[in-house]
Amino acid sequence: MTHEPSDAETTINGSVERLAVRFPAQSATTIRGVVTHAYEELNDARVRDFVEVLVEKQAKKRLNHMEDELPTRPAEKSDQRTDDILSGGSPAAHRLHTPRP
């Protein structure tokens, strides 16, 4: 018995493969997480015709942002910034809502 991939798996796997070529500095796990998050955001879309294109576009935007932002940050702060970027929030917004010591 073979497993037929779902539409979600097909969309996510295809996007991960293409984006891995475009973003070789990012791990496959990071790319898969970004793509999966983008897919989940569009999962309830009534019109499904362009979901794959929109998922990849959103993931590419986030990965570009991660490449621009993460290398300049100290290692101990990069995890929070990655979480912010994956959730669509901006690092600046996080700083606004984080109390200073």
N, C-alpha and C. Protein backbone atom coordinates (compact mmCIF):
# COMPACT_ATOMS: atom_id res chain seq x y z
N MET A 1 0.85 -1.18 0.00
CA MET A 1 0.00 0.00 0.00
C MET A 1 0.90 1.25 0.00
N THR A 2 0.68 2.13 -0.96
CA THR A 2 1.50 3.33 -1.06
C THR A 2 0.74 4.52 -0.50
N HIS A 3 1.51 5.45 -0.02
CA HIS A 3 0.93 6.67 0.55
C HIS A 3 0.86 7.75 -0.52
N GLU A 4 -0.32 8.21 -0.81
CA GLU A 4 -0.50 9.31 -1.75
C GLU A 4 -0.36 10.62 -0.98
N PRO A 5 0.55 11.50 -1.40
CA PRO A 5 0.70 12.76 -0.67
C PRO A 5 -0.54 13.64 -0.82
N SER A 6 -0.89 14.32 0.26
CA SER A 6 -2.02 15.24 0.23
C SER A 6 -1.64 16.49 -0.55
N ASP A 7 -2.64 17.31 -0.85
CA ASP A 7 -2.36 18.59 -1.51
C ASP A 7 -1.41 19.43 -0.67
N ALA A 8 -1.60 19.41 0.65
CA ALA A 8 -0.74 20.19 1.53
C ALA A 8 0.70 19.69 1.45
N GLU A 9 0.89 18.37 1.52
CA GLU A 9 2.24 17.81 1.44
C GLU A 9 2.90 18.13 0.11
N THR A 10 2.14 18.02 -0.96
CA THR A 10 2.68 18.30 -2.29
C THR A 10 3.09 19.76 -2.40
N THR A 11 2.24 20.66 -1.94
CA THR A 11 2.53 22.10 -1.97
C THR A 11 3.75 22.42 -1.13
N ILE A 12 3.77 21.92 0.10
CA ILE A 12 4.87 22.22 1.02
C ILE A 12 6.18 21.63 0.50
N ASN A 13 6.16 20.37 0.10
CA ASN A 13 7.39 19.73 -0.38
C ASN A 13 7.95 20.41 -1.62
N GLY A 14 7.09 20.78 -2.56
CA GLY A 14 7.55 21.47 -3.77
C GLY A 14 8.16 22.81 -3.45
N SER A 15 7.51 23.56 -2.57
CA SER A 15 8.04 24.87 -2.19
C SER A 15 9.36 24.74 -1.46
N VAL A 16 9.46 23.76 -0.56
CA VAL A 16 10.70 23.56 0.19
C VAL A 16 11.84 23.24 -0.77
N GLU A 17 11.60 22.38 -1.74
CA GLU A 17 12.65 22.02 -2.71
C GLU A 17 13.13 23.24 -3.49
N ARG A 18 12.19 24.04 -3.99
CA ARG A 18 12.57 25.22 -4.78
C ARG A 18 13.27 26.27 -3.92
N LEU A 19 12.77 26.48 -2.72
CA LEU A 19 13.35 27.51 -1.85
C LEU A 19 14.71 27.08 -1.30
N ALA A 20 14.94 25.78 -1.16
CA ALA A 20 16.25 25.30 -0.69
C ALA A 20 17.34 25.66 -1.69
N VAL A 21 16.99 25.67 -2.96
CA VAL A 21 17.95 26.08 -3.99
C VAL A 21 18.19 27.59 -3.90
N ARG A 22 17.14 28.33 -3.67
CA ARG A 22 17.21 29.80 -3.62
C ARG A 22 17.90 30.30 -2.35
N PHE A 23 17.76 29.55 -1.25
CA PHE A 23 18.31 29.96 0.06
C PHE A 23 19.21 28.85 0.62
N PRO A 24 20.37 28.62 0.01
CA PRO A 24 21.23 27.52 0.46
C PRO A 24 21.80 27.72 1.87
N ALA A 25 21.82 28.94 2.37
CA ALA A 25 22.34 29.20 3.72
C ALA A 25 21.36 28.79 4.81
N GLN A 26 20.10 28.61 4.45
CA GLN A 26 19.08 28.23 5.42
C GLN A 26 18.96 26.71 5.48
N SER A 27 18.71 26.18 6.67
CA SER A 27 18.56 24.73 6.80
C SER A 27 17.21 24.30 6.22
N ALA A 28 17.14 23.05 5.83
CA ALA A 28 15.88 22.50 5.31
C ALA A 28 14.78 22.58 6.37
N THR A 29 15.16 22.42 7.63
CA THR A 29 14.18 22.50 8.72
C THR A 29 13.60 23.91 8.82
N THR A 30 14.45 24.91 8.72
CA THR A 30 13.98 26.29 8.77
C THR A 30 13.06 26.59 7.59
N ILE A 31 13.48 26.19 6.41
CA ILE A 31 12.67 26.44 5.22
C ILE A 31 11.32 25.73 5.34
N ARG A 32 11.34 24.47 5.78
CA ARG A 32 10.08 23.72 5.93
C ARG A 32 9.17 24.41 6.96
N GLY A 33 9.75 24.90 8.04
CA GLY A 33 8.95 25.60 9.05
C GLY A 33 8.31 26.86 8.50
N VAL A 34 9.07 27.63 7.73
CA VAL A 34 8.54 28.87 7.15
C VAL A 34 7.44 28.55 6.14
N VAL A 35 7.68 27.55 5.30
CA VAL A 35 6.68 27.18 4.28
C VAL A 35 5.43 26.62 4.95
N THR A 36 5.60 25.77 5.94
CA THR A 36 4.44 25.20 6.64
C THR A 36 3.62 26.29 7.31
N HIS A 37 4.31 27.24 7.93
CA HIS A 37 3.60 28.36 8.57
C HIS A 37 2.81 29.17 7.53
N ALA A 38 3.43 29.45 6.40
CA ALA A 38 2.74 30.19 5.34
C ALA A 38 1.53 29.40 4.84
N TYR A 39 1.69 28.09 4.70
CA TYR A 39 0.57 27.26 4.23
C TYR A 39 -0.57 27.29 5.24
N GLU A 40 -0.24 27.18 6.51
CA GLU A 40 -1.27 27.19 7.55
C GLU A 40 -2.04 28.51 7.57
N GLU A 41 -1.36 29.61 7.28
CA GLU A 41 -2.04 30.91 7.23
C GLU A 41 -3.07 30.96 6.11
N LEU A 42 -2.80 30.24 5.02
CA LEU A 42 -3.70 30.26 3.87
C LEU A 42 -4.59 29.02 3.79
N ASN A 43 -4.53 28.17 4.77
CA ASN A 43 -5.25 26.91 4.76
C ASN A 43 -6.76 27.07 4.64
N ASP A 44 -7.31 28.13 5.19
CA ASP A 44 -8.76 28.33 5.16
C ASP A 44 -9.24 29.15 3.97
N ALA A 45 -8.36 29.42 3.03
CA ALA A 45 -8.75 30.22 1.86
C ALA A 45 -9.87 29.52 1.09
N ARG A 46 -10.88 30.27 0.74
CA ARG A 46 -12.01 29.69 -0.01
C ARG A 46 -11.60 29.36 -1.43
N VAL A 47 -10.82 30.21 -2.04
CA VAL A 47 -10.34 29.97 -3.40
C VAL A 47 -8.96 29.35 -3.28
N ARG A 48 -8.81 28.12 -3.75
CA ARG A 48 -7.58 27.36 -3.56
C ARG A 48 -6.64 27.41 -4.77
N ASP A 49 -7.07 28.04 -5.85
CA ASP A 49 -6.32 28.01 -7.10
C ASP A 49 -4.90 28.53 -6.98
N PHE A 50 -4.67 29.52 -6.16
CA PHE A 50 -3.36 30.17 -6.10
C PHE A 50 -2.64 29.96 -4.78
N VAL A 51 -3.12 29.03 -3.97
CA VAL A 51 -2.52 28.82 -2.65
C VAL A 51 -1.04 28.48 -2.76
N GLU A 52 -0.67 27.59 -3.68
CA GLU A 52 0.73 27.20 -3.81
C GLU A 52 1.62 28.39 -4.14
N VAL A 53 1.17 29.23 -5.06
CA VAL A 53 1.95 30.41 -5.45
C VAL A 53 2.05 31.39 -4.28
N LEU A 54 0.95 31.59 -3.58
CA LEU A 54 0.94 32.53 -2.46
C LEU A 54 1.78 32.03 -1.29
N VAL A 55 1.74 30.73 -1.04
CA VAL A 55 2.55 30.14 0.03
C VAL A 55 4.03 30.38 -0.26
N GLU A 56 4.43 30.07 -1.48
CA GLU A 56 5.85 30.22 -1.82
C GLU A 56 6.27 31.69 -1.79
N LYS A 57 5.41 32.57 -2.25
CA LYS A 57 5.73 34.00 -2.23
C LYS A 57 5.91 34.50 -0.80
N GLN A 58 4.99 34.10 0.09
CA GLN A 58 5.08 34.52 1.49
C GLN A 58 6.32 33.93 2.15
N ALA A 59 6.60 32.66 1.88
CA ALA A 59 7.78 32.02 2.47
C ALA A 59 9.06 32.68 1.96
N LYS A 60 9.12 32.99 0.68
CA LYS A 60 10.30 33.64 0.11
C LYS A 60 10.51 35.01 0.77
N LYS A 61 9.43 35.73 0.98
CA LYS A 61 9.52 37.04 1.64
C LYS A 61 10.09 36.90 3.06
N ARG A 62 9.60 35.91 3.80
CA ARG A 62 10.09 35.71 5.16
C ARG A 62 11.54 35.25 5.18
N LEU A 63 11.90 34.36 4.26
CA LEU A 63 13.29 33.89 4.21
C LEU A 63 14.24 35.02 3.82
N ASN A 64 13.83 35.87 2.89
CA ASN A 64 14.64 37.04 2.55
C ASN A 64 14.84 37.91 3.78
N HIS A 65 13.76 38.12 4.52
CA HIS A 65 13.82 38.93 5.73
C HIS A 65 14.76 38.29 6.76
N MET A 66 14.68 36.98 6.90
CA MET A 66 15.54 36.27 7.85
C MET A 66 17.00 36.41 7.45
N GLU A 67 17.30 36.30 6.17
CA GLU A 67 18.69 36.43 5.71
C GLU A 67 19.20 37.85 5.93
N ASP A 68 18.33 38.83 5.78
CA ASP A 68 18.74 40.22 5.99
C ASP A 68 18.95 40.53 7.47
N GLU A 69 18.13 39.94 8.33
CA GLU A 69 18.12 40.32 9.74
C GLU A 69 18.97 39.44 10.65
N LEU A 70 18.92 38.14 10.50
CA LEU A 70 19.52 37.24 11.47
C LEU A 70 21.04 37.29 11.56
N PRO A 71 21.78 37.38 10.47
CA PRO A 71 23.23 37.33 10.60
C PRO A 71 23.83 38.48 11.40
N THR A 72 23.14 39.58 11.55
CA THR A 72 23.69 40.73 12.25
C THR A 72 23.40 40.69 13.74
N ARG A 73 22.60 39.71 14.18
CA ARG A 73 22.20 39.65 15.58
C ARG A 73 23.09 38.69 16.37
N PRO A 74 23.29 38.95 17.67
CA PRO A 74 24.01 38.00 18.51
C PRO A 74 23.27 36.67 18.56
N ALA A 75 23.98 35.59 18.72
CA ALA A 75 23.40 34.25 18.68
C ALA A 75 22.29 34.06 19.71
N GLU A 76 22.46 34.60 20.91
CA GLU A 76 21.46 34.37 21.95
C GLU A 76 20.12 35.04 21.64
N LYS A 77 20.09 36.02 20.76
CA LYS A 77 18.84 36.70 20.44
C LYS A 77 18.23 36.20 19.13
N SER A 78 18.95 35.40 18.38
CA SER A 78 18.46 34.99 17.07
C SER A 78 17.23 34.10 17.16
N ASP A 79 17.10 33.28 18.21
CA ASP A 79 15.94 32.40 18.33
C ASP A 79 14.66 33.22 18.44
N GLN A 80 14.65 34.27 19.23
CA GLN A 80 13.45 35.11 19.36
C GLN A 80 13.15 35.80 18.05
N ARG A 81 14.17 36.28 17.37
CA ARG A 81 13.96 36.96 16.09
C ARG A 81 13.43 35.98 15.06
N THR A 82 13.92 34.74 15.05
CA THR A 82 13.41 33.74 14.13
C THR A 82 11.94 33.47 14.42
N ASP A 83 11.58 33.35 15.70
CA ASP A 83 10.18 33.15 16.06
C ASP A 83 9.33 34.32 15.60
N ASP A 84 9.83 35.54 15.77
CA ASP A 84 9.09 36.72 15.33
C ASP A 84 8.86 36.69 13.83
N ILE A 85 9.89 36.37 13.09
CA ILE A 85 9.80 36.36 11.64
C ILE A 85 8.87 35.26 11.17
N LEU A 86 8.99 34.07 11.77
CA LEU A 86 8.13 32.96 11.38
C LEU A 86 6.67 33.26 11.66
N SER A 87 6.39 34.00 12.73
CA SER A 87 5.01 34.32 13.06
C SER A 87 4.51 35.55 12.31
N GLY A 88 5.37 36.13 11.49
CA GLY A 88 4.95 37.27 10.71
C GLY A 88 5.12 38.60 11.43
N GLY A 89 5.55 38.54 12.69
CA GLY A 89 5.77 39.77 13.44
C GLY A 89 7.13 40.35 13.12
N SER A 90 7.29 41.59 13.42
CA SER A 90 8.58 42.22 13.15
C SER A 90 9.41 42.25 14.42
N PRO A 91 10.71 42.16 14.28
CA PRO A 91 11.57 42.26 15.45
C PRO A 91 11.39 43.59 16.18
N ALA A 92 11.12 44.65 15.44
CA ALA A 92 10.90 45.96 16.07
C ALA A 92 9.66 45.93 16.94
N ALA A 93 8.61 45.27 16.46
CA ALA A 93 7.37 45.18 17.25
C ALA A 93 7.63 44.40 18.53
N HIS A 94 8.45 43.36 18.45
CA HIS A 94 8.80 42.59 19.63
C HIS A 94 9.50 43.47 20.66
N ARG A 95 10.42 44.29 20.19
CA ARG A 95 11.14 45.17 21.12
C ARG A 95 10.20 46.16 21.78
N LEU A 96 9.17 46.61 21.07
CA LEU A 96 8.23 47.56 21.64
C LEU A 96 7.41 46.95 22.77
N HIS A 97 7.17 45.64 22.69
CA HIS A 97 6.31 44.98 23.68
C HIS A 97 7.09 44.22 24.74
N THR A 98 8.40 44.32 24.71
CA THR A 98 9.23 43.63 25.70
C THR A 98 9.69 44.65 26.72
N PRO A 99 9.32 44.41 28.01
CA PRO A 99 9.75 45.35 29.05
C PRO A 99 11.26 45.35 29.21
N ARG A 100 11.80 46.51 29.45
CA ARG A 100 13.25 46.63 29.66
C ARG A 100 13.56 46.28 31.12
N PRO A 101 14.73 45.69 31.33
CA PRO A 101 15.13 45.32 32.71
C PRO A 101 15.43 46.53 33.55
